[in-house]
Every structure is written in C-alpha cells, then in structure tokens.
Amino acid sequence: MTEPAGRKVLHVPSGLAGERVDAALARLFGLSRTKAAELVAAGDVRVDGNPRPSPIGWRRAPSSR
C-alpha cells in the first residue's frame, strides 16, 4: 500500500483492539484524549481510508496485516 503525500499509515496493534479511536491515538502518540478527539472530529484521522466523523462510540478492531 502506498501512503498519500503527507500522511502516514499506522496499523492498529492487537493490544488496542476494542479501544475507542481517540483513546488509541492518545496511547500511541502521547496525546490527550481531548486532542485526539479533536483530530478525529476535524477529519484528520482515517480508518481503512475513510475519515471518522466522531470518536464517540466507535471502536477499532485490530489490523489483519
């Protein structure tokens, strides 16, 4: 898979399975959950190539790669 310019592809570690996207981002990058939620709400986070409209109530399964 090629990465779009200026973007990074991150595969979800199995230890974060079931975590909310904002919580997973906070743990992976040392962000506050508030800042992570802001990034998700701004459309700066994509999951499987699709922007996530909200971190609330959405959980990510582990990557199969």
PDB file of N, CA and C in Angstrom:
ATOM      1  N   MET A   1       0.841  -1.172   0.000  1.00  0.00           N
ATOM      2  CA  MET A   1       0.000   0.000   0.000  1.00  0.00           C
ATOM      3  C   MET A   1       0.887   1.236   0.000  1.00  0.00           C
ATOM      4  N   THR A   2       0.618   2.173  -0.880  1.00  0.00           N
ATOM      5  CA  THR A   2       1.381   3.415  -0.899  1.00  0.00           C
ATOM      6  C   THR A   2       0.671   4.444  -0.025  1.00  0.00           C
ATOM      7  N   GLU A   3       1.461   5.265   0.612  1.00  0.00           N
ATOM      8  CA  GLU A   3       0.921   6.285   1.502  1.00  0.00           C
ATOM      9  C   GLU A   3       0.675   7.566   0.715  1.00  0.00           C
ATOM     10  N   PRO A   4      -0.481   8.217   0.929  1.00  0.00           N
ATOM     11  CA  PRO A   4      -0.715   9.511   0.298  1.00  0.00           C
ATOM     12  C   PRO A   4       0.308  10.523   0.819  1.00  0.00           C
ATOM     13  N   ALA A   5       0.641  11.497   0.003  1.00  0.00           N
ATOM     14  CA  ALA A   5       1.623  12.517   0.391  1.00  0.00           C
ATOM     15  C   ALA A   5       1.202  13.193   1.690  1.00  0.00           C
ATOM     16  N   GLY A   6       2.137  13.287   2.622  1.00  0.00           N
ATOM     17  CA  GLY A   6       1.870  13.970   3.883  1.00  0.00           C
ATOM     18  C   GLY A   6       1.091  13.148   4.894  1.00  0.00           C
ATOM     19  N   ARG A   7       0.810  11.913   4.602  1.00  0.00           N
ATOM     20  CA  ARG A   7       0.053  11.062   5.519  1.00  0.00           C
ATOM     21  C   ARG A   7       0.861   9.835   5.880  1.00  0.00           C
ATOM     22  N   LYS A   8       0.576   9.290   7.018  1.00  0.00           N
ATOM     23  CA  LYS A   8       1.225   8.058   7.464  1.00  0.00           C
ATOM     24  C   LYS A   8       0.169   6.989   7.665  1.00  0.00           C
ATOM     25  N   VAL A   9       0.537   5.773   7.349  1.00  0.00           N
ATOM     26  CA  VAL A   9      -0.343   4.631   7.570  1.00  0.00           C
ATOM     27  C   VAL A   9       0.115   3.940   8.837  1.00  0.00           C
ATOM     28  N   LEU A  10      -0.801   3.719   9.745  1.00  0.00           N
ATOM     29  CA  LEU A  10      -0.495   3.073  11.007  1.00  0.00           C
ATOM     30  C   LEU A  10      -1.428   1.884  11.181  1.00  0.00           C
ATOM     31  N   HIS A  11      -0.854   0.722  11.373  1.00  0.00           N
ATOM     32  CA  HIS A  11      -1.654  -0.471  11.617  1.00  0.00           C
ATOM     33  C   HIS A  11      -1.909  -0.577  13.116  1.00  0.00           C
ATOM     34  N   VAL A  12      -3.122  -0.925  13.472  1.00  0.00           N
ATOM     35  CA  VAL A  12      -3.516  -0.982  14.873  1.00  0.00           C
ATOM     36  C   VAL A  12      -2.940  -2.232  15.535  1.00  0.00           C
ATOM     37  N   PRO A  13      -2.160  -2.060  16.598  1.00  0.00           N
ATOM     38  CA  PRO A  13      -1.645  -3.224  17.312  1.00  0.00           C
ATOM     39  C   PRO A  13      -2.789  -3.983  17.983  1.00  0.00           C
ATOM     40  N   SER A  14      -2.660  -5.279  18.090  1.00  0.00           N
ATOM     41  CA  SER A  14      -3.729  -6.092  18.667  1.00  0.00           C
ATOM     42  C   SER A  14      -4.040  -5.692  20.109  1.00  0.00           C
ATOM     43  N   GLY A  15      -3.085  -5.126  20.826  1.00  0.00           N
ATOM     44  CA  GLY A  15      -3.320  -4.686  22.194  1.00  0.00           C
ATOM     45  C   GLY A  15      -4.300  -3.535  22.311  1.00  0.00           C
ATOM     46  N   LEU A  16      -4.592  -2.864  21.200  1.00  0.00           N
ATOM     47  CA  LEU A  16      -5.537  -1.753  21.213  1.00  0.00           C
ATOM     48  C   LEU A  16      -6.900  -2.141  20.645  1.00  0.00           C
ATOM     49  N   ALA A  17      -7.099  -3.411  20.361  1.00  0.00           N
ATOM     50  CA  ALA A  17      -8.390  -3.871  19.838  1.00  0.00           C
ATOM     51  C   ALA A  17      -9.494  -3.507  20.820  1.00  0.00           C
ATOM     52  N   GLY A  18     -10.564  -2.964  20.305  1.00  0.00           N
ATOM     53  CA  GLY A  18     -11.700  -2.609  21.138  1.00  0.00           C
ATOM     54  C   GLY A  18     -11.617  -1.235  21.761  1.00  0.00           C
ATOM     55  N   GLU A  19     -10.476  -0.552  21.619  1.00  0.00           N
ATOM     56  CA  GLU A  19     -10.327   0.798  22.164  1.00  0.00           C
ATOM     57  C   GLU A  19     -11.048   1.803  21.267  1.00  0.00           C
ATOM     58  N   ARG A  20     -11.540   2.874  21.863  1.00  0.00           N
ATOM     59  CA  ARG A  20     -12.065   3.969  21.059  1.00  0.00           C
ATOM     60  C   ARG A  20     -10.908   4.562  20.267  1.00  0.00           C
ATOM     61  N   VAL A  21     -11.208   5.110  19.104  1.00  0.00           N
ATOM     62  CA  VAL A  21     -10.163   5.658  18.245  1.00  0.00           C
ATOM     63  C   VAL A  21      -9.389   6.762  18.964  1.00  0.00           C
ATOM     64  N   ASP A  22     -10.086   7.648  19.662  1.00  0.00           N
ATOM     65  CA  ASP A  22      -9.376   8.726  20.353  1.00  0.00           C
ATOM     66  C   ASP A  22      -8.479   8.187  21.462  1.00  0.00           C
ATOM     67  N   ALA A  23      -8.931   7.181  22.167  1.00  0.00           N
ATOM     68  CA  ALA A  23      -8.127   6.595  23.233  1.00  0.00           C
ATOM     69  C   ALA A  23      -6.894   5.891  22.656  1.00  0.00           C
ATOM     70  N   ALA A  24      -7.073   5.187  21.547  1.00  0.00           N
ATOM     71  CA  ALA A  24      -5.948   4.501  20.904  1.00  0.00           C
ATOM     72  C   ALA A  24      -4.911   5.513  20.421  1.00  0.00           C
ATOM     73  N   LEU A  25      -5.375   6.588  19.782  1.00  0.00           N
ATOM     74  CA  LEU A  25      -4.444   7.631  19.319  1.00  0.00           C
ATOM     75  C   LEU A  25      -3.700   8.254  20.498  1.00  0.00           C
ATOM     76  N   ALA A  26      -4.418   8.510  21.569  1.00  0.00           N
ATOM     77  CA  ALA A  26      -3.797   9.105  22.748  1.00  0.00           C
ATOM     78  C   ALA A  26      -2.687   8.202  23.282  1.00  0.00           C
ATOM     79  N   ARG A  27      -2.944   6.909  23.356  1.00  0.00           N
ATOM     80  CA  ARG A  27      -1.931   5.974  23.862  1.00  0.00           C
ATOM     81  C   ARG A  27      -0.755   5.852  22.898  1.00  0.00           C
ATOM     82  N   LEU A  28      -1.030   5.786  21.601  1.00  0.00           N
ATOM     83  CA  LEU A  28       0.032   5.601  20.616  1.00  0.00           C
ATOM     84  C   LEU A  28       0.950   6.808  20.488  1.00  0.00           C
ATOM     85  N   PHE A  29       0.373   8.008  20.580  1.00  0.00           N
ATOM     86  CA  PHE A  29       1.143   9.215  20.299  1.00  0.00           C
ATOM     87  C   PHE A  29       1.361  10.125  21.505  1.00  0.00           C
ATOM     88  N   GLY A  30       0.910   9.705  22.683  1.00  0.00           N
ATOM     89  CA  GLY A  30       1.108  10.513  23.882  1.00  0.00           C
ATOM     90  C   GLY A  30       0.295  11.798  23.878  1.00  0.00           C
ATOM     91  N   LEU A  31      -0.861  11.759  23.238  1.00  0.00           N
ATOM     92  CA  LEU A  31      -1.750  12.919  23.187  1.00  0.00           C
ATOM     93  C   LEU A  31      -2.775  12.836  24.304  1.00  0.00           C
ATOM     94  N   SER A  32      -3.408  13.952  24.599  1.00  0.00           N
ATOM     95  CA  SER A  32      -4.570  13.889  25.481  1.00  0.00           C
ATOM     96  C   SER A  32      -5.721  13.307  24.663  1.00  0.00           C
ATOM     97  N   ARG A  33      -6.686  12.692  25.333  1.00  0.00           N
ATOM     98  CA  ARG A  33      -7.837  12.161  24.598  1.00  0.00           C
ATOM     99  C   ARG A  33      -8.621  13.295  23.960  1.00  0.00           C
ATOM    100  N   THR A  34      -8.620  14.466  24.599  1.00  0.00           N
ATOM    101  CA  THR A  34      -9.312  15.620  24.026  1.00  0.00           C
ATOM    102  C   THR A  34      -8.686  16.010  22.695  1.00  0.00           C
ATOM    103  N   LYS A  35      -7.344  16.110  22.663  1.00  0.00           N
ATOM    104  CA  LYS A  35      -6.643  16.470  21.423  1.00  0.00           C
ATOM    105  C   LYS A  35      -6.874  15.400  20.363  1.00  0.00           C
ATOM    106  N   ALA A  36      -6.812  14.125  20.748  1.00  0.00           N
ATOM    107  CA  ALA A  36      -7.046  13.034  19.802  1.00  0.00           C
ATOM    108  C   ALA A  36      -8.463  13.118  19.241  1.00  0.00           C
ATOM    109  N   ALA A  37      -9.440  13.395  20.092  1.00  0.00           N
ATOM    110  CA  ALA A  37     -10.833  13.521  19.644  1.00  0.00           C
ATOM    111  C   ALA A  37     -10.993  14.704  18.688  1.00  0.00           C
ATOM    112  N   GLU A  38     -10.268  15.782  18.940  1.00  0.00           N
ATOM    113  CA  GLU A  38     -10.307  16.941  18.043  1.00  0.00           C
ATOM    114  C   GLU A  38      -9.765  16.584  16.667  1.00  0.00           C
ATOM    115  N   LEU A  39      -8.690  15.812  16.619  1.00  0.00           N
ATOM    116  CA  LEU A  39      -8.121  15.379  15.338  1.00  0.00           C
ATOM    117  C   LEU A  39      -9.114  14.504  14.568  1.00  0.00           C
ATOM    118  N   VAL A  40      -9.786  13.614  15.276  1.00  0.00           N
ATOM    119  CA  VAL A  40     -10.790  12.756  14.636  1.00  0.00           C
ATOM    120  C   VAL A  40     -11.933  13.609  14.108  1.00  0.00           C
ATOM    121  N   ALA A  41     -12.456  14.510  14.934  1.00  0.00           N
ATOM    122  CA  ALA A  41     -13.584  15.358  14.541  1.00  0.00           C
ATOM    123  C   ALA A  41     -13.236  16.264  13.368  1.00  0.00           C
ATOM    124  N   ALA A  42     -11.963  16.669  13.262  1.00  0.00           N
ATOM    125  CA  ALA A  42     -11.524  17.536  12.163  1.00  0.00           C
ATOM    126  C   ALA A  42     -11.329  16.764  10.859  1.00  0.00           C
ATOM    127  N   GLY A  43     -11.469  15.437  10.914  1.00  0.00           N
ATOM    128  CA  GLY A  43     -11.294  14.632   9.706  1.00  0.00           C
ATOM    129  C   GLY A  43      -9.848  14.290   9.412  1.00  0.00           C
ATOM    130  N   ASP A  44      -8.980  14.513  10.394  1.00  0.00           N
ATOM    131  CA  ASP A  44      -7.550  14.247  10.198  1.00  0.00           C
ATOM    132  C   ASP A  44      -7.162  12.797  10.453  1.00  0.00           C
ATOM    133  N   VAL A  45      -8.125  11.980  10.856  1.00  0.00           N
ATOM    134  CA  VAL A  45      -7.871  10.569  11.128  1.00  0.00           C
ATOM    135  C   VAL A  45      -8.741   9.735  10.195  1.00  0.00           C
ATOM    136  N   ARG A  46      -8.094   8.788   9.547  1.00  0.00           N
ATOM    137  CA  ARG A  46      -8.824   7.891   8.650  1.00  0.00           C
ATOM    138  C   ARG A  46      -8.638   6.462   9.121  1.00  0.00           C
ATOM    139  N   VAL A  47      -9.678   5.692   8.958  1.00  0.00           N
ATOM    140  CA  VAL A  47      -9.628   4.279   9.296  1.00  0.00           C
ATOM    141  C   VAL A  47     -10.035   3.512   8.054  1.00  0.00           C
ATOM    142  N   ASP A  48      -9.171   2.640   7.604  1.00  0.00           N
ATOM    143  CA  ASP A  48      -9.383   1.905   6.357  1.00  0.00           C
ATOM    144  C   ASP A  48      -9.633   2.856   5.191  1.00  0.00           C
ATOM    145  N   GLY A  49      -8.960   4.026   5.222  1.00  0.00           N
ATOM    146  CA  GLY A  49      -9.060   5.002   4.145  1.00  0.00           C
ATOM    147  C   GLY A  49     -10.238   5.944   4.239  1.00  0.00           C
ATOM    148  N   ASN A  50     -11.088   5.772   5.251  1.00  0.00           N
ATOM    149  CA  ASN A  50     -12.282   6.605   5.397  1.00  0.00           C
ATOM    150  C   ASN A  50     -12.150   7.507   6.615  1.00  0.00           C
ATOM    151  N   PRO A  51     -12.521   8.802   6.465  1.00  0.00           N
ATOM    152  CA  PRO A  51     -12.463   9.690   7.627  1.00  0.00           C
ATOM    153  C   PRO A  51     -13.470   9.254   8.682  1.00  0.00           C
ATOM    154  N   ARG A  52     -13.100   9.400   9.939  1.00  0.00           N
ATOM    155  CA  ARG A  52     -14.004   9.072  11.040  1.00  0.00           C
ATOM    156  C   ARG A  52     -14.702  10.349  11.447  1.00  0.00           C
ATOM    157  N   PRO A  53     -16.026  10.392  11.410  1.00  0.00           N
ATOM    158  CA  PRO A  53     -16.730  11.618  11.782  1.00  0.00           C
ATOM    159  C   PRO A  53     -16.731  11.886  13.280  1.00  0.00           C
ATOM    160  N   SER A  54     -16.575  10.848  14.092  1.00  0.00           N
ATOM    161  CA  SER A  54     -16.622  11.024  15.537  1.00  0.00           C
ATOM    162  C   SER A  54     -15.909   9.867  16.221  1.00  0.00           C
ATOM    163  N   PRO A  55     -15.192  10.146  17.298  1.00  0.00           N
ATOM    164  CA  PRO A  55     -14.552   9.060  18.036  1.00  0.00           C
ATOM    165  C   PRO A  55     -15.506   8.401  19.021  1.00  0.00           C
ATOM    166  N   ILE A  56     -16.650   9.019  19.247  1.00  0.00           N
ATOM    167  CA  ILE A  56     -17.565   8.549  20.266  1.00  0.00           C
ATOM    168  C   ILE A  56     -18.275   7.275  19.804  1.00  0.00           C
ATOM    169  N   GLY A  57     -18.175   6.271  20.609  1.00  0.00           N
ATOM    170  CA  GLY A  57     -18.879   5.027  20.345  1.00  0.00           C
ATOM    171  C   GLY A  57     -18.323   4.199  19.197  1.00  0.00           C
ATOM    172  N   TRP A  58     -17.156   4.540  18.719  1.00  0.00           N
ATOM    173  CA  TRP A  58     -16.578   3.783  17.605  1.00  0.00           C
ATOM    174  C   TRP A  58     -15.319   3.121  18.081  1.00  0.00           C
ATOM    175  N   ARG A  59     -15.231   1.823  17.869  1.00  0.00           N
ATOM    176  CA  ARG A  59     -14.063   1.074  18.321  1.00  0.00           C
ATOM    177  C   ARG A  59     -13.420   0.404  17.136  1.00  0.00           C
ATOM    178  N   ARG A  60     -12.119   0.308  17.185  1.00  0.00           N
ATOM    179  CA  ARG A  60     -11.343  -0.238  16.084  1.00  0.00           C
ATOM    180  C   ARG A  60     -10.921  -1.665  16.377  1.00  0.00           C
ATOM    181  N   ALA A  61     -11.132  -2.538  15.404  1.00  0.00           N
ATOM    182  CA  ALA A  61     -10.648  -3.908  15.519  1.00  0.00           C
ATOM    183  C   ALA A  61      -9.175  -3.917  15.147  1.00  0.00           C
ATOM    184  N   PRO A  62      -8.420  -4.932  15.575  1.00  0.00           N
ATOM    185  CA  PRO A  62      -7.004  -4.972  15.213  1.00  0.00           C
ATOM    186  C   PRO A  62      -6.809  -5.167  13.718  1.00  0.00           C
ATOM    187  N   SER A  63      -5.701  -4.675  13.228  1.00  0.00           N
ATOM    188  CA  SER A  63      -5.379  -4.813  11.806  1.00  0.00           C
ATOM    189  C   SER A  63      -5.110  -6.276  11.498  1.00  0.00           C
ATOM    190  N   SER A  64      -5.532  -6.697  10.317  1.00  0.00           N
ATOM    191  CA  SER A  64      -5.275  -8.072   9.912  1.00  0.00           C
ATOM    192  C   SER A  64      -3.958  -8.193   9.177  1.00  0.00           C
ATOM    193  N   ARG A  65      -3.216  -7.081   9.072  1.00  0.00           N
ATOM    194  CA  ARG A  65      -1.934  -7.100   8.358  1.00  0.00           C
ATOM    195  C   ARG A  65      -0.794  -7.272   9.288  1.00  0.00           C
TER     196      ARG A  65
END
